[in-house]
Amino acid sequence: CPAGLDIPHIYSLYNRTAWNGKKAAKEEYDKLPVKADSCIGCGACLEHCPQHIASAAIMPDIAETFK
């Protein structure tokens, strides 16, 4: 990621919010040096993602979840 996002880790924390782990996930997310709202939407991640996830489109939702 050109913006420095640790995309797999951010997804891991985001996925934990679906269970009863939102508080712990937010605490860990808040410690990240680069958060989802730093995504510049360049789409460079798409060519590297083995699951072809459009992370640039999802990062705003993740940022909102951890607001």
PDB file of N, CA and C in Angstrom:
ATOM      1  N   CYS A   1       0.839  -1.191   0.000  1.00  0.00           N
ATOM      2  CA  CYS A   1       0.000   0.000   0.000  1.00  0.00           C
ATOM      3  C   CYS A   1       0.882   1.253   0.000  1.00  0.00           C
ATOM      4  N   PRO A   2       0.710   2.113  -0.982  1.00  0.00           N
ATOM      5  CA  PRO A   2       1.485   3.352  -1.019  1.00  0.00           C
ATOM      6  C   PRO A   2       1.246   4.265   0.187  1.00  0.00           C
ATOM      7  N   ALA A   3       0.071   4.154   0.799  1.00  0.00           N
ATOM      8  CA  ALA A   3      -0.245   4.991   1.965  1.00  0.00           C
ATOM      9  C   ALA A   3       0.244   4.361   3.269  1.00  0.00           C
ATOM     10  N   GLY A   4       0.712   3.124   3.200  1.00  0.00           N
ATOM     11  CA  GLY A   4       1.247   2.470   4.387  1.00  0.00           C
ATOM     12  C   GLY A   4       0.247   1.674   5.214  1.00  0.00           C
ATOM     13  N   LEU A   5      -0.921   1.416   4.668  1.00  0.00           N
ATOM     14  CA  LEU A   5      -1.921   0.641   5.391  1.00  0.00           C
ATOM     15  C   LEU A   5      -1.491  -0.817   5.515  1.00  0.00           C
ATOM     16  N   ASP A   6      -1.680  -1.390   6.688  1.00  0.00           N
ATOM     17  CA  ASP A   6      -1.503  -2.823   6.889  1.00  0.00           C
ATOM     18  C   ASP A   6      -2.878  -3.439   6.653  1.00  0.00           C
ATOM     19  N   ILE A   7      -3.219  -3.632   5.409  1.00  0.00           N
ATOM     20  CA  ILE A   7      -4.575  -4.032   5.015  1.00  0.00           C
ATOM     21  C   ILE A   7      -5.004  -5.347   5.662  1.00  0.00           C
ATOM     22  N   PRO A   8      -4.194  -6.398   5.645  1.00  0.00           N
ATOM     23  CA  PRO A   8      -4.647  -7.637   6.290  1.00  0.00           C
ATOM     24  C   PRO A   8      -4.954  -7.451   7.788  1.00  0.00           C
ATOM     25  N   HIS A   9      -4.145  -6.673   8.463  1.00  0.00           N
ATOM     26  CA  HIS A   9      -4.372  -6.449   9.896  1.00  0.00           C
ATOM     27  C   HIS A   9      -5.641  -5.623  10.127  1.00  0.00           C
ATOM     28  N   ILE A  10      -5.844  -4.629   9.305  1.00  0.00           N
ATOM     29  CA  ILE A  10      -7.054  -3.808   9.420  1.00  0.00           C
ATOM     30  C   ILE A  10      -8.292  -4.670   9.192  1.00  0.00           C
ATOM     31  N   TYR A  11      -8.243  -5.541   8.188  1.00  0.00           N
ATOM     32  CA  TYR A  11      -9.372  -6.448   7.952  1.00  0.00           C
ATOM     33  C   TYR A  11      -9.586  -7.392   9.135  1.00  0.00           C
ATOM     34  N   SER A  12      -8.519  -7.875   9.705  1.00  0.00           N
ATOM     35  CA  SER A  12      -8.625  -8.763  10.855  1.00  0.00           C
ATOM     36  C   SER A  12      -9.345  -8.066  12.012  1.00  0.00           C
ATOM     37  N   LEU A  13      -8.960  -6.837  12.279  1.00  0.00           N
ATOM     38  CA  LEU A  13      -9.619  -6.075  13.349  1.00  0.00           C
ATOM     39  C   LEU A  13     -11.075  -5.794  13.006  1.00  0.00           C
ATOM     40  N   TYR A  14     -11.322  -5.435  11.766  1.00  0.00           N
ATOM     41  CA  TYR A  14     -12.683  -5.147  11.316  1.00  0.00           C
ATOM     42  C   TYR A  14     -13.565  -6.391  11.446  1.00  0.00           C
ATOM     43  N   ASN A  15     -13.034  -7.538  11.075  1.00  0.00           N
ATOM     44  CA  ASN A  15     -13.799  -8.778  11.175  1.00  0.00           C
ATOM     45  C   ASN A  15     -14.154  -9.095  12.624  1.00  0.00           C
ATOM     46  N   ARG A  16     -13.287  -8.735  13.540  1.00  0.00           N
ATOM     47  CA  ARG A  16     -13.561  -8.975  14.968  1.00  0.00           C
ATOM     48  C   ARG A  16     -14.746  -8.160  15.467  1.00  0.00           C
ATOM     49  N   THR A  17     -15.079  -7.068  14.800  1.00  0.00           N
ATOM     50  CA  THR A  17     -16.211  -6.252  15.231  1.00  0.00           C
ATOM     51  C   THR A  17     -17.535  -6.962  14.978  1.00  0.00           C
ATOM     52  N   ALA A  18     -17.544  -7.963  14.102  1.00  0.00           N
ATOM     53  CA  ALA A  18     -18.765  -8.708  13.815  1.00  0.00           C
ATOM     54  C   ALA A  18     -19.146  -9.605  14.990  1.00  0.00           C
ATOM     55  N   TRP A  19     -18.161  -9.965  15.796  1.00  0.00           N
ATOM     56  CA  TRP A  19     -18.419 -10.749  16.998  1.00  0.00           C
ATOM     57  C   TRP A  19     -18.430  -9.767  18.159  1.00  0.00           C
ATOM     58  N   ASN A  20     -18.368 -10.255  19.330  1.00  0.00           N
ATOM     59  CA  ASN A  20     -18.418  -9.387  20.507  1.00  0.00           C
ATOM     60  C   ASN A  20     -17.067  -8.800  20.850  1.00  0.00           C
ATOM     61  N   GLY A  21     -16.217  -8.596  19.870  1.00  0.00           N
ATOM     62  CA  GLY A  21     -14.883  -8.094  20.142  1.00  0.00           C
ATOM     63  C   GLY A  21     -14.645  -6.668  19.688  1.00  0.00           C
ATOM     64  N   LYS A  22     -15.708  -5.881  19.514  1.00  0.00           N
ATOM     65  CA  LYS A  22     -15.524  -4.536  18.971  1.00  0.00           C
ATOM     66  C   LYS A  22     -14.666  -3.656  19.869  1.00  0.00           C
ATOM     67  N   LYS A  23     -14.879  -3.712  21.162  1.00  0.00           N
ATOM     68  CA  LYS A  23     -14.119  -2.847  22.062  1.00  0.00           C
ATOM     69  C   LYS A  23     -12.628  -3.165  21.989  1.00  0.00           C
ATOM     70  N   ALA A  24     -12.279  -4.437  22.060  1.00  0.00           N
ATOM     71  CA  ALA A  24     -10.872  -4.840  21.993  1.00  0.00           C
ATOM     72  C   ALA A  24     -10.286  -4.532  20.620  1.00  0.00           C
ATOM     73  N   ALA A  25     -11.075  -4.752  19.568  1.00  0.00           N
ATOM     74  CA  ALA A  25     -10.597  -4.466  18.217  1.00  0.00           C
ATOM     75  C   ALA A  25     -10.339  -2.969  18.051  1.00  0.00           C
ATOM     76  N   LYS A  26     -11.229  -2.139  18.594  1.00  0.00           N
ATOM     77  CA  LYS A  26     -11.039  -0.681  18.491  1.00  0.00           C
ATOM     78  C   LYS A  26      -9.802  -0.232  19.248  1.00  0.00           C
ATOM     79  N   GLU A  27      -9.583  -0.808  20.413  1.00  0.00           N
ATOM     80  CA  GLU A  27      -8.395  -0.449  21.187  1.00  0.00           C
ATOM     81  C   GLU A  27      -7.121  -0.763  20.404  1.00  0.00           C
ATOM     82  N   GLU A  28      -7.104  -1.910  19.751  1.00  0.00           N
ATOM     83  CA  GLU A  28      -5.930  -2.277  18.945  1.00  0.00           C
ATOM     84  C   GLU A  28      -5.842  -1.411  17.693  1.00  0.00           C
ATOM     85  N   TYR A  29      -6.987  -1.145  17.060  1.00  0.00           N
ATOM     86  CA  TYR A  29      -7.023  -0.296  15.865  1.00  0.00           C
ATOM     87  C   TYR A  29      -6.491   1.101  16.176  1.00  0.00           C
ATOM     88  N   ASP A  30      -6.887   1.636  17.309  1.00  0.00           N
ATOM     89  CA  ASP A  30      -6.462   2.990  17.687  1.00  0.00           C
ATOM     90  C   ASP A  30      -4.945   3.110  17.835  1.00  0.00           C
ATOM     91  N   LYS A  31      -4.267   2.000  18.038  1.00  0.00           N
ATOM     92  CA  LYS A  31      -2.807   1.997  18.170  1.00  0.00           C
ATOM     93  C   LYS A  31      -2.085   1.931  16.823  1.00  0.00           C
ATOM     94  N   LEU A  32      -2.828   1.651  15.744  1.00  0.00           N
ATOM     95  CA  LEU A  32      -2.197   1.553  14.427  1.00  0.00           C
ATOM     96  C   LEU A  32      -1.619   2.900  14.014  1.00  0.00           C
ATOM     97  N   PRO A  33      -0.421   2.910  13.441  1.00  0.00           N
ATOM     98  CA  PRO A  33       0.158   4.177  12.990  1.00  0.00           C
ATOM     99  C   PRO A  33      -0.545   4.734  11.752  1.00  0.00           C
ATOM    100  N   VAL A  34      -1.101   3.855  10.921  1.00  0.00           N
ATOM    101  CA  VAL A  34      -1.812   4.274   9.712  1.00  0.00           C
ATOM    102  C   VAL A  34      -3.171   3.576   9.722  1.00  0.00           C
ATOM    103  N   LYS A  35      -4.219   4.365   9.728  1.00  0.00           N
ATOM    104  CA  LYS A  35      -5.572   3.829   9.847  1.00  0.00           C
ATOM    105  C   LYS A  35      -6.295   3.862   8.501  1.00  0.00           C
ATOM    106  N   ALA A  36      -7.455   3.227   8.460  1.00  0.00           N
ATOM    107  CA  ALA A  36      -8.233   3.088   7.229  1.00  0.00           C
ATOM    108  C   ALA A  36      -8.533   4.421   6.553  1.00  0.00           C
ATOM    109  N   ASP A  37      -8.693   5.468   7.334  1.00  0.00           N
ATOM    110  CA  ASP A  37      -9.008   6.767   6.729  1.00  0.00           C
ATOM    111  C   ASP A  37      -7.825   7.386   5.993  1.00  0.00           C
ATOM    112  N   SER A  38      -6.679   6.726   6.043  1.00  0.00           N
ATOM    113  CA  SER A  38      -5.507   7.196   5.291  1.00  0.00           C
ATOM    114  C   SER A  38      -5.473   6.642   3.875  1.00  0.00           C
ATOM    115  N   CYS A  39      -6.414   5.763   3.548  1.00  0.00           N
ATOM    116  CA  CYS A  39      -6.475   5.183   2.205  1.00  0.00           C
ATOM    117  C   CYS A  39      -6.657   6.306   1.183  1.00  0.00           C
ATOM    118  N   ILE A  40      -5.813   6.273   0.152  1.00  0.00           N
ATOM    119  CA  ILE A  40      -5.882   7.305  -0.878  1.00  0.00           C
ATOM    120  C   ILE A  40      -6.712   6.867  -2.081  1.00  0.00           C
ATOM    121  N   GLY A  41      -7.255   5.649  -2.022  1.00  0.00           N
ATOM    122  CA  GLY A  41      -8.139   5.170  -3.080  1.00  0.00           C
ATOM    123  C   GLY A  41      -7.460   4.867  -4.397  1.00  0.00           C
ATOM    124  N   CYS A  42      -6.172   4.604  -4.359  1.00  0.00           N
ATOM    125  CA  CYS A  42      -5.420   4.402  -5.608  1.00  0.00           C
ATOM    126  C   CYS A  42      -5.702   3.059  -6.273  1.00  0.00           C
ATOM    127  N   GLY A  43      -6.148   2.064  -5.488  1.00  0.00           N
ATOM    128  CA  GLY A  43      -6.466   0.756  -6.035  1.00  0.00           C
ATOM    129  C   GLY A  43      -5.271  -0.161  -6.228  1.00  0.00           C
ATOM    130  N   ALA A  44      -4.086   0.256  -5.806  1.00  0.00           N
ATOM    131  CA  ALA A  44      -2.895  -0.582  -5.953  1.00  0.00           C
ATOM    132  C   ALA A  44      -3.054  -1.915  -5.225  1.00  0.00           C
ATOM    133  N   CYS A  45      -3.832  -1.924  -4.164  1.00  0.00           N
ATOM    134  CA  CYS A  45      -4.038  -3.140  -3.383  1.00  0.00           C
ATOM    135  C   CYS A  45      -4.766  -4.214  -4.183  1.00  0.00           C
ATOM    136  N   LEU A  46      -5.626  -3.808  -5.088  1.00  0.00           N
ATOM    137  CA  LEU A  46      -6.431  -4.766  -5.835  1.00  0.00           C
ATOM    138  C   LEU A  46      -5.576  -5.739  -6.635  1.00  0.00           C
ATOM    139  N   GLU A  47      -4.507  -5.250  -7.227  1.00  0.00           N
ATOM    140  CA  GLU A  47      -3.663  -6.133  -8.030  1.00  0.00           C
ATOM    141  C   GLU A  47      -2.840  -7.102  -7.175  1.00  0.00           C
ATOM    142  N   HIS A  48      -2.753  -6.827  -5.880  1.00  0.00           N
ATOM    143  CA  HIS A  48      -1.991  -7.694  -4.985  1.00  0.00           C
ATOM    144  C   HIS A  48      -2.875  -8.619  -4.150  1.00  0.00           C
ATOM    145  N   CYS A  49      -4.155  -8.362  -4.136  1.00  0.00           N
ATOM    146  CA  CYS A  49      -5.070  -9.128  -3.293  1.00  0.00           C
ATOM    147  C   CYS A  49      -5.438 -10.453  -3.963  1.00  0.00           C
ATOM    148  N   PRO A  50      -5.100 -11.570  -3.321  1.00  0.00           N
ATOM    149  CA  PRO A  50      -5.438 -12.860  -3.914  1.00  0.00           C
ATOM    150  C   PRO A  50      -6.949 -13.113  -3.965  1.00  0.00           C
ATOM    151  N   GLN A  51      -7.718 -12.374  -3.163  1.00  0.00           N
ATOM    152  CA  GLN A  51      -9.170 -12.540  -3.144  1.00  0.00           C
ATOM    153  C   GLN A  51      -9.879 -11.478  -3.984  1.00  0.00           C
ATOM    154  N   HIS A  52      -9.115 -10.599  -4.609  1.00  0.00           N
ATOM    155  CA  HIS A  52      -9.644  -9.541  -5.481  1.00  0.00           C
ATOM    156  C   HIS A  52     -10.657  -8.646  -4.767  1.00  0.00           C
ATOM    157  N   ILE A  53     -10.330  -8.294  -3.532  1.00  0.00           N
ATOM    158  CA  ILE A  53     -11.184  -7.409  -2.741  1.00  0.00           C
ATOM    159  C   ILE A  53     -10.827  -5.962  -3.078  1.00  0.00           C
ATOM    160  N   ALA A  54     -11.830  -5.170  -3.355  1.00  0.00           N
ATOM    161  CA  ALA A  54     -11.628  -3.748  -3.665  1.00  0.00           C
ATOM    162  C   ALA A  54     -11.497  -2.984  -2.350  1.00  0.00           C
ATOM    163  N   SER A  55     -10.338  -3.086  -1.731  1.00  0.00           N
ATOM    164  CA  SER A  55     -10.119  -2.491  -0.410  1.00  0.00           C
ATOM    165  C   SER A  55     -10.328  -0.988  -0.402  1.00  0.00           C
ATOM    166  N   ALA A  56      -9.971  -0.307  -1.472  1.00  0.00           N
ATOM    167  CA  ALA A  56     -10.137   1.151  -1.519  1.00  0.00           C
ATOM    168  C   ALA A  56     -11.597   1.546  -1.353  1.00  0.00           C
ATOM    169  N   ALA A  57     -12.496   0.711  -1.793  1.00  0.00           N
ATOM    170  CA  ALA A  57     -13.928   0.996  -1.659  1.00  0.00           C
ATOM    171  C   ALA A  57     -14.443   0.676  -0.257  1.00  0.00           C
ATOM    172  N   ILE A  58     -13.743  -0.205   0.455  1.00  0.00           N
ATOM    173  CA  ILE A  58     -14.194  -0.662   1.766  1.00  0.00           C
ATOM    174  C   ILE A  58     -13.579   0.144   2.911  1.00  0.00           C
ATOM    175  N   MET A  59     -12.409   0.710   2.701  1.00  0.00           N
ATOM    176  CA  MET A  59     -11.719   1.424   3.783  1.00  0.00           C
ATOM    177  C   MET A  59     -12.543   2.559   4.396  1.00  0.00           C
ATOM    178  N   PRO A  60     -13.330   3.323   3.623  1.00  0.00           N
ATOM    179  CA  PRO A  60     -14.159   4.353   4.279  1.00  0.00           C
ATOM    180  C   PRO A  60     -15.162   3.758   5.273  1.00  0.00           C
ATOM    181  N   ASP A  61     -15.731   2.603   4.948  1.00  0.00           N
ATOM    182  CA  ASP A  61     -16.659   1.947   5.868  1.00  0.00           C
ATOM    183  C   ASP A  61     -15.937   1.480   7.137  1.00  0.00           C
ATOM    184  N   ILE A  62     -14.732   0.957   6.952  1.00  0.00           N
ATOM    185  CA  ILE A  62     -13.952   0.502   8.093  1.00  0.00           C
ATOM    186  C   ILE A  62     -13.590   1.689   8.982  1.00  0.00           C
ATOM    187  N   ALA A  63     -13.185   2.783   8.360  1.00  0.00           N
ATOM    188  CA  ALA A  63     -12.857   3.996   9.132  1.00  0.00           C
ATOM    189  C   ALA A  63     -14.062   4.467   9.936  1.00  0.00           C
ATOM    190  N   GLU A  64     -15.221   4.414   9.333  1.00  0.00           N
ATOM    191  CA  GLU A  64     -16.456   4.837  10.007  1.00  0.00           C
ATOM    192  C   GLU A  64     -16.774   3.906  11.191  1.00  0.00           C
ATOM    193  N   THR A  65     -16.545   2.624  11.007  1.00  0.00           N
ATOM    194  CA  THR A  65     -16.812   1.653  12.068  1.00  0.00           C
ATOM    195  C   THR A  65     -15.961   1.937  13.300  1.00  0.00           C
ATOM    196  N   PHE A  66     -14.709   2.344  13.062  1.00  0.00           N
ATOM    197  CA  PHE A  66     -13.792   2.565  14.180  1.00  0.00           C
ATOM    198  C   PHE A  66     -13.761   4.009  14.661  1.00  0.00           C
ATOM    199  N   LYS A  67     -14.641   4.845  14.162  1.00  0.00           N
ATOM    200  CA  LYS A  67     -14.705   6.245  14.575  1.00  0.00           C
ATOM    201  C   LYS A  67     -15.037   6.382  16.034  1.00  0.00           C
TER     202      LYS A  67
END
